N, C-alpha and C. Protein backbone atom coordinates (compact mmCIF):
# COMPACT_ATOMS: atom_id res chain seq x y z
N UNK A 1 23.58 175.14 24.61
CA UNK A 1 21.85 175.58 24.46
C UNK A 1 21.73 176.23 23.37
N UNK A 2 22.57 176.96 22.61
CA UNK A 2 22.09 177.60 21.49
C UNK A 2 22.20 176.60 20.23
N UNK A 3 22.65 175.37 20.18
CA UNK A 3 22.74 174.66 19.16
C UNK A 3 21.56 173.62 19.26
N UNK A 4 20.82 173.50 20.21
CA UNK A 4 19.59 172.68 20.17
C UNK A 4 18.47 173.83 19.90
N UNK A 5 18.69 175.23 19.90
CA UNK A 5 17.74 176.14 19.38
C UNK A 5 17.64 176.21 18.12
N UNK A 6 18.81 175.72 17.63
CA UNK A 6 19.18 175.97 16.05
C UNK A 6 18.52 175.01 15.37
N UNK A 7 18.65 173.64 15.96
CA UNK A 7 18.16 172.47 15.58
C UNK A 7 17.08 172.31 15.30
N UNK A 8 16.22 172.90 16.30
CA UNK A 8 14.56 173.00 16.56
C UNK A 8 14.09 173.65 15.54
N UNK A 9 14.60 175.05 15.35
CA UNK A 9 14.03 175.92 14.06
C UNK A 9 14.50 175.38 12.84
N UNK A 10 15.40 174.72 12.77
CA UNK A 10 15.57 173.72 11.42
C UNK A 10 14.73 172.79 11.04
N UNK A 11 14.49 171.81 12.17
CA UNK A 11 13.40 170.88 12.11
C UNK A 11 12.01 171.49 11.42
N UNK A 12 11.52 172.44 12.10
CA UNK A 12 10.34 173.30 12.06
C UNK A 12 10.36 173.83 10.67
N UNK A 13 11.84 174.13 10.18
CA UNK A 13 11.37 174.93 8.64
C UNK A 13 11.51 173.72 7.92
N UNK A 14 11.98 172.60 8.14
CA UNK A 14 12.13 171.56 7.09
C UNK A 14 10.81 170.96 6.85
N UNK A 15 10.19 170.68 8.02
CA UNK A 15 8.47 170.25 8.37
C UNK A 15 7.59 170.99 7.46
N UNK A 16 7.88 172.49 7.55
CA UNK A 16 7.14 172.97 6.76
C UNK A 16 7.21 173.03 5.34
N UNK A 17 8.48 172.68 4.82
CA UNK A 17 8.55 172.82 3.60
C UNK A 17 8.36 171.39 2.70
N UNK A 18 8.66 170.48 3.48
CA UNK A 18 8.16 169.21 3.38
C UNK A 18 6.61 169.04 3.06
N UNK A 19 5.81 169.95 4.14
CA UNK A 19 4.05 169.76 4.02
C UNK A 19 3.94 170.63 2.95
N UNK A 20 4.63 171.39 2.30
CA UNK A 20 4.05 172.47 1.11
C UNK A 20 4.54 171.52 0.11
N UNK A 21 5.60 170.76 -0.45
CA UNK A 21 6.18 170.38 -1.46
C UNK A 21 5.32 168.86 -1.82
N UNK A 22 4.67 168.27 -0.84
CA UNK A 22 4.16 166.93 -0.84
C UNK A 22 2.62 167.00 -1.37
N UNK A 23 1.99 168.50 -1.58
CA UNK A 23 0.86 168.43 -1.49
C UNK A 23 0.60 167.95 -2.83
N UNK A 24 1.37 168.10 -3.84
CA UNK A 24 1.04 167.75 -5.26
C UNK A 24 -0.18 168.47 -6.15
N UNK A 25 -0.55 169.24 -5.64
CA UNK A 25 -1.93 170.16 -5.99
C UNK A 25 -1.58 170.44 -7.56
N UNK A 26 -0.29 171.14 -7.85
CA UNK A 26 0.03 171.72 -9.23
C UNK A 26 0.81 170.89 -9.79
N UNK A 27 -0.02 169.86 -10.86
CA UNK A 27 0.41 169.22 -11.62
C UNK A 27 1.47 169.28 -12.89
N UNK A 28 1.13 170.63 -13.02
CA UNK A 28 2.34 170.75 -14.26
C UNK A 28 1.68 172.04 -15.22
N UNK A 29 2.81 172.56 -15.56
CA UNK A 29 2.21 173.88 -16.61
C UNK A 29 1.01 172.95 -18.06
N UNK A 30 0.07 173.95 -18.27
CA UNK A 30 -0.47 173.74 -19.44
C UNK A 30 0.30 174.60 -20.64
N UNK A 31 0.51 173.74 -21.48
CA UNK A 31 1.56 174.25 -22.88
C UNK A 31 0.99 174.23 -23.52
N UNK A 32 0.27 175.38 -24.25
CA UNK A 32 -0.50 175.71 -25.36
C UNK A 32 -0.32 176.77 -25.72
N UNK A 33 -0.77 176.95 -27.31
CA UNK A 33 -0.40 178.16 -27.75
C UNK A 33 -1.18 179.37 -27.06
N UNK A 34 -2.16 179.24 -26.92
CA UNK A 34 -2.74 180.36 -25.92
C UNK A 34 -2.44 180.84 -24.46
N UNK A 35 -1.76 179.71 -23.93
CA UNK A 35 -0.96 180.00 -22.81
C UNK A 35 0.27 180.43 -22.99
N UNK A 36 1.09 180.22 -24.17
CA UNK A 36 2.56 180.82 -24.23
C UNK A 36 2.08 182.09 -24.67
N UNK A 37 0.99 182.74 -25.17
CA UNK A 37 1.02 183.95 -25.45
C UNK A 37 0.28 184.98 -24.16
N UNK A 38 -0.64 184.36 -23.34
CA UNK A 38 -0.74 184.94 -22.08
C UNK A 38 0.36 184.88 -21.18
N UNK A 39 1.38 183.90 -21.54
CA UNK A 39 2.71 184.24 -20.51
C UNK A 39 3.41 185.31 -20.75
N UNK A 40 3.29 185.86 -21.75
CA UNK A 40 4.21 187.42 -22.22
C UNK A 40 3.40 188.51 -21.58
N UNK A 41 2.08 188.24 -20.89
CA UNK A 41 1.53 189.28 -20.06
C UNK A 41 1.62 188.78 -18.61
N UNK A 42 2.28 187.99 -17.90
CA UNK A 42 2.55 187.43 -16.88
C UNK A 42 1.54 186.85 -16.26
N UNK A 43 0.65 185.82 -17.34
CA UNK A 43 -0.43 184.98 -16.73
C UNK A 43 0.15 183.75 -17.11
N UNK A 44 0.14 182.67 -16.36
CA UNK A 44 0.53 181.45 -16.59
C UNK A 44 -0.68 180.39 -16.22
N UNK A 45 -1.04 179.35 -16.86
CA UNK A 45 -1.68 178.31 -16.84
C UNK A 45 -1.01 177.19 -16.42
N UNK A 46 -1.91 176.23 -15.20
CA UNK A 46 -1.35 175.06 -14.68
C UNK A 46 -2.52 174.20 -14.60
N UNK A 47 -2.06 172.79 -14.83
CA UNK A 47 -3.04 171.88 -14.43
C UNK A 47 -2.83 171.63 -12.97
N UNK A 48 -3.98 171.37 -12.38
CA UNK A 48 -4.14 171.17 -10.82
C UNK A 48 -4.99 170.07 -10.55
N UNK A 49 -4.94 169.49 -9.35
CA UNK A 49 -6.09 168.54 -8.78
C UNK A 49 -7.32 168.82 -8.71
N UNK A 50 -8.14 167.85 -8.91
CA UNK A 50 -9.62 168.54 -8.90
C UNK A 50 -10.09 168.78 -7.52
N UNK A 51 -9.38 168.64 -6.60
CA UNK A 51 -9.65 168.84 -5.25
C UNK A 51 -8.88 170.26 -4.84
N UNK A 52 -8.27 170.75 -5.67
CA UNK A 52 -7.79 172.26 -5.41
C UNK A 52 -8.43 173.25 -5.29
N UNK A 53 -8.29 173.92 -3.95
CA UNK A 53 -9.00 175.56 -4.39
C UNK A 53 -7.89 176.74 -4.23
N UNK A 54 -8.23 177.76 -4.24
CA UNK A 54 -7.69 179.02 -4.82
C UNK A 54 -6.39 179.17 -3.75
N UNK A 55 -6.82 179.42 -2.64
CA UNK A 55 -5.93 179.22 -1.32
C UNK A 55 -4.58 178.56 -1.28
N UNK A 56 -5.11 177.21 -1.52
CA UNK A 56 -4.02 175.93 -1.68
C UNK A 56 -3.13 176.09 -2.94
N UNK A 57 -3.55 176.52 -4.03
CA UNK A 57 -2.97 176.70 -5.39
C UNK A 57 -1.67 177.81 -5.17
N UNK A 58 -2.49 178.96 -4.35
CA UNK A 58 -1.43 179.96 -4.03
C UNK A 58 -0.32 179.65 -3.15
N UNK A 59 -0.76 179.03 -2.26
CA UNK A 59 0.64 178.56 -1.21
C UNK A 59 1.67 177.86 -2.11
N UNK A 60 1.10 176.67 -2.86
CA UNK A 60 1.87 175.93 -3.73
C UNK A 60 2.85 176.66 -4.57
N UNK A 61 2.49 177.60 -5.44
CA UNK A 61 2.84 178.49 -6.53
C UNK A 61 4.11 179.42 -5.67
N UNK A 62 3.45 179.82 -4.22
CA UNK A 62 4.76 180.45 -3.69
C UNK A 62 6.04 179.67 -3.24
N UNK A 63 5.64 178.54 -2.93
CA UNK A 63 6.29 177.35 -2.49
C UNK A 63 7.45 176.91 -3.83
N UNK A 64 6.75 176.62 -4.87
CA UNK A 64 7.42 176.14 -5.86
C UNK A 64 8.29 177.22 -6.85
N UNK A 65 7.57 178.28 -7.03
CA UNK A 65 8.31 179.29 -7.93
C UNK A 65 8.89 180.54 -7.51
N UNK A 66 8.79 180.85 -6.26
CA UNK A 66 8.83 181.74 -5.20
C UNK A 66 8.31 183.22 -5.62
N UNK A 67 7.31 183.00 -6.16
CA UNK A 67 6.65 184.40 -6.90
C UNK A 67 5.06 184.43 -6.14
N UNK A 68 4.76 185.58 -5.70
CA UNK A 68 3.30 185.98 -5.07
C UNK A 68 2.57 186.18 -6.25
N UNK A 69 0.74 185.59 -6.37
CA UNK A 69 0.31 185.78 -7.27
C UNK A 69 -0.73 186.93 -6.91
N UNK A 70 -1.08 187.68 -7.78
CA UNK A 70 -2.32 188.85 -7.67
C UNK A 70 -3.32 188.11 -7.53
N UNK A 71 -3.93 187.29 -8.43
CA UNK A 71 -5.12 186.86 -8.61
C UNK A 71 -4.85 185.28 -9.28
N UNK A 72 -5.97 184.35 -9.15
CA UNK A 72 -5.94 182.96 -9.71
C UNK A 72 -7.64 182.54 -10.17
N UNK A 73 -7.70 182.30 -11.31
CA UNK A 73 -8.98 181.53 -11.89
C UNK A 73 -8.70 180.28 -11.86
N UNK A 74 -10.17 179.55 -11.52
CA UNK A 74 -9.88 178.20 -11.77
C UNK A 74 -11.13 178.24 -12.77
N UNK A 75 -10.69 176.74 -13.41
CA UNK A 75 -11.74 176.28 -14.52
C UNK A 75 -11.91 174.77 -14.34
N UNK A 76 -13.10 174.21 -14.45
CA UNK A 76 -13.25 172.88 -14.30
C UNK A 76 -13.30 172.65 -16.15
N UNK A 77 -12.55 171.37 -16.30
CA UNK A 77 -12.58 171.11 -17.90
C UNK A 77 -13.44 169.43 -17.59
N UNK A 78 -14.33 169.56 -18.48
CA UNK A 78 -15.34 168.68 -18.51
C UNK A 78 -14.81 167.26 -19.44
N UNK A 79 -14.89 166.21 -18.85
CA UNK A 79 -14.67 164.93 -20.04
C UNK A 79 -15.38 164.95 -21.45
N UNK A 80 -15.06 164.40 -22.25
CA UNK A 80 -15.87 164.51 -23.42
C UNK A 80 -15.40 163.16 -24.23
N UNK A 81 -16.83 162.61 -24.76
CA UNK A 81 -16.64 161.43 -25.37
C UNK A 81 -15.87 161.55 -26.90
N UNK A 82 -15.16 160.55 -27.12
CA UNK A 82 -14.49 160.83 -28.61
C UNK A 82 -14.27 159.53 -29.05
N UNK A 83 -13.86 159.41 -30.68
CA UNK A 83 -13.80 158.34 -31.44
C UNK A 83 -12.36 158.38 -31.97
N UNK A 84 -11.33 157.33 -31.59
CA UNK A 84 -10.25 157.01 -31.85
C UNK A 84 -9.87 155.89 -32.62
N UNK A 85 -9.59 155.99 -33.95
CA UNK A 85 -9.52 154.41 -34.93
C UNK A 85 -10.48 154.10 -34.84
N UNK A 86 -11.92 154.43 -34.47
CA UNK A 86 -13.11 153.39 -34.61
C UNK A 86 -13.57 153.12 -33.25
N UNK A 87 -12.91 153.55 -32.44
CA UNK A 87 -13.52 153.06 -31.28
C UNK A 87 -13.60 154.07 -30.09
N UNK A 88 -14.55 153.92 -29.14
CA UNK A 88 -14.67 154.97 -28.34
C UNK A 88 -13.83 155.14 -27.26
N UNK A 89 -13.94 156.22 -27.03
CA UNK A 89 -12.77 156.71 -25.74
C UNK A 89 -13.37 158.12 -25.33
N UNK A 90 -12.37 158.58 -24.13
CA UNK A 90 -12.84 159.69 -23.38
C UNK A 90 -11.95 160.58 -23.08
N UNK A 91 -11.68 161.58 -23.77
CA UNK A 91 -11.01 162.74 -23.02
C UNK A 91 -11.09 163.03 -21.60
N UNK A 92 -9.82 162.93 -21.05
CA UNK A 92 -10.01 162.98 -19.45
C UNK A 92 -10.28 164.72 -19.39
N UNK A 93 -10.99 164.70 -18.21
CA UNK A 93 -11.51 166.18 -17.77
C UNK A 93 -10.21 166.32 -17.04
N UNK A 94 -10.42 167.52 -15.95
CA UNK A 94 -9.79 167.96 -14.58
C UNK A 94 -9.95 169.38 -14.40
N UNK A 95 -9.01 170.25 -13.79
CA UNK A 95 -9.05 171.52 -13.49
C UNK A 95 -7.86 172.08 -14.15
N UNK A 96 -8.22 173.51 -14.30
CA UNK A 96 -6.83 174.50 -14.70
C UNK A 96 -6.95 175.54 -13.77
N UNK A 97 -5.49 176.04 -13.58
CA UNK A 97 -6.07 177.58 -12.75
C UNK A 97 -5.04 178.43 -13.89
N UNK A 98 -5.32 179.59 -13.98
CA UNK A 98 -4.86 180.59 -14.46
C UNK A 98 -4.42 181.62 -13.39
N UNK A 99 -2.83 181.72 -13.11
CA UNK A 99 -2.44 182.68 -12.09
C UNK A 99 -1.79 184.00 -12.86
N UNK A 100 -2.12 184.78 -12.18
CA UNK A 100 -1.95 185.96 -12.66
C UNK A 100 -0.60 186.80 -11.90
N UNK A 101 0.54 187.11 -12.21
CA UNK A 101 1.43 187.79 -11.67
C UNK A 101 1.45 189.30 -11.98
N UNK A 102 2.30 189.65 -10.98
CA UNK A 102 2.49 191.47 -11.02
C UNK A 102 3.53 191.67 -12.01
N UNK A 103 3.89 192.84 -12.49
CA UNK A 103 4.47 193.02 -13.76
C UNK A 103 6.09 192.55 -13.66
N UNK A 104 6.66 192.59 -12.80
CA UNK A 104 8.12 192.43 -12.60
C UNK A 104 8.51 190.83 -12.25
N UNK A 105 7.48 190.09 -11.91
CA UNK A 105 7.88 188.64 -11.65
C UNK A 105 7.69 187.70 -12.78
N UNK A 106 8.31 186.71 -12.87
CA UNK A 106 8.15 185.38 -13.92
C UNK A 106 8.51 184.06 -13.59
N UNK A 107 7.88 183.24 -14.09
CA UNK A 107 7.98 182.02 -13.82
C UNK A 107 8.81 181.34 -15.27
N UNK A 108 9.70 180.71 -15.23
CA UNK A 108 10.57 180.04 -16.07
C UNK A 108 10.04 178.39 -15.91
N UNK A 109 9.49 178.21 -17.15
CA UNK A 109 9.07 176.77 -17.35
C UNK A 109 9.79 175.99 -18.07
N UNK A 110 10.08 174.68 -17.53
CA UNK A 110 11.13 173.88 -18.31
C UNK A 110 10.24 173.31 -19.92
N UNK A 111 11.05 173.57 -21.03
CA UNK A 111 10.24 172.69 -22.05
C UNK A 111 10.56 171.60 -22.32
């Protein structure tokens, strides 16, 4: 009986992990000079999906980086027309999230 209880708990735990990891809301870190300076003050910037909200982003940050955010700000980035080599083009818009962490927490970003 003990083995069936353990396997049910493991299956439930794995199902929760898969559910969180497959959301794909956090697209990646936003690497800019401004973001690098802010990371010294425990403020990190991420590109996120346009459908993401603050609570979903918080859950994903906890699952991916094992840190709990204090505050999250979301900003919409508008697309804008550009000329590249004489041709019309569009810079893609999107959403970015600014994640504030408490003093001791850190996120290591792969460069």
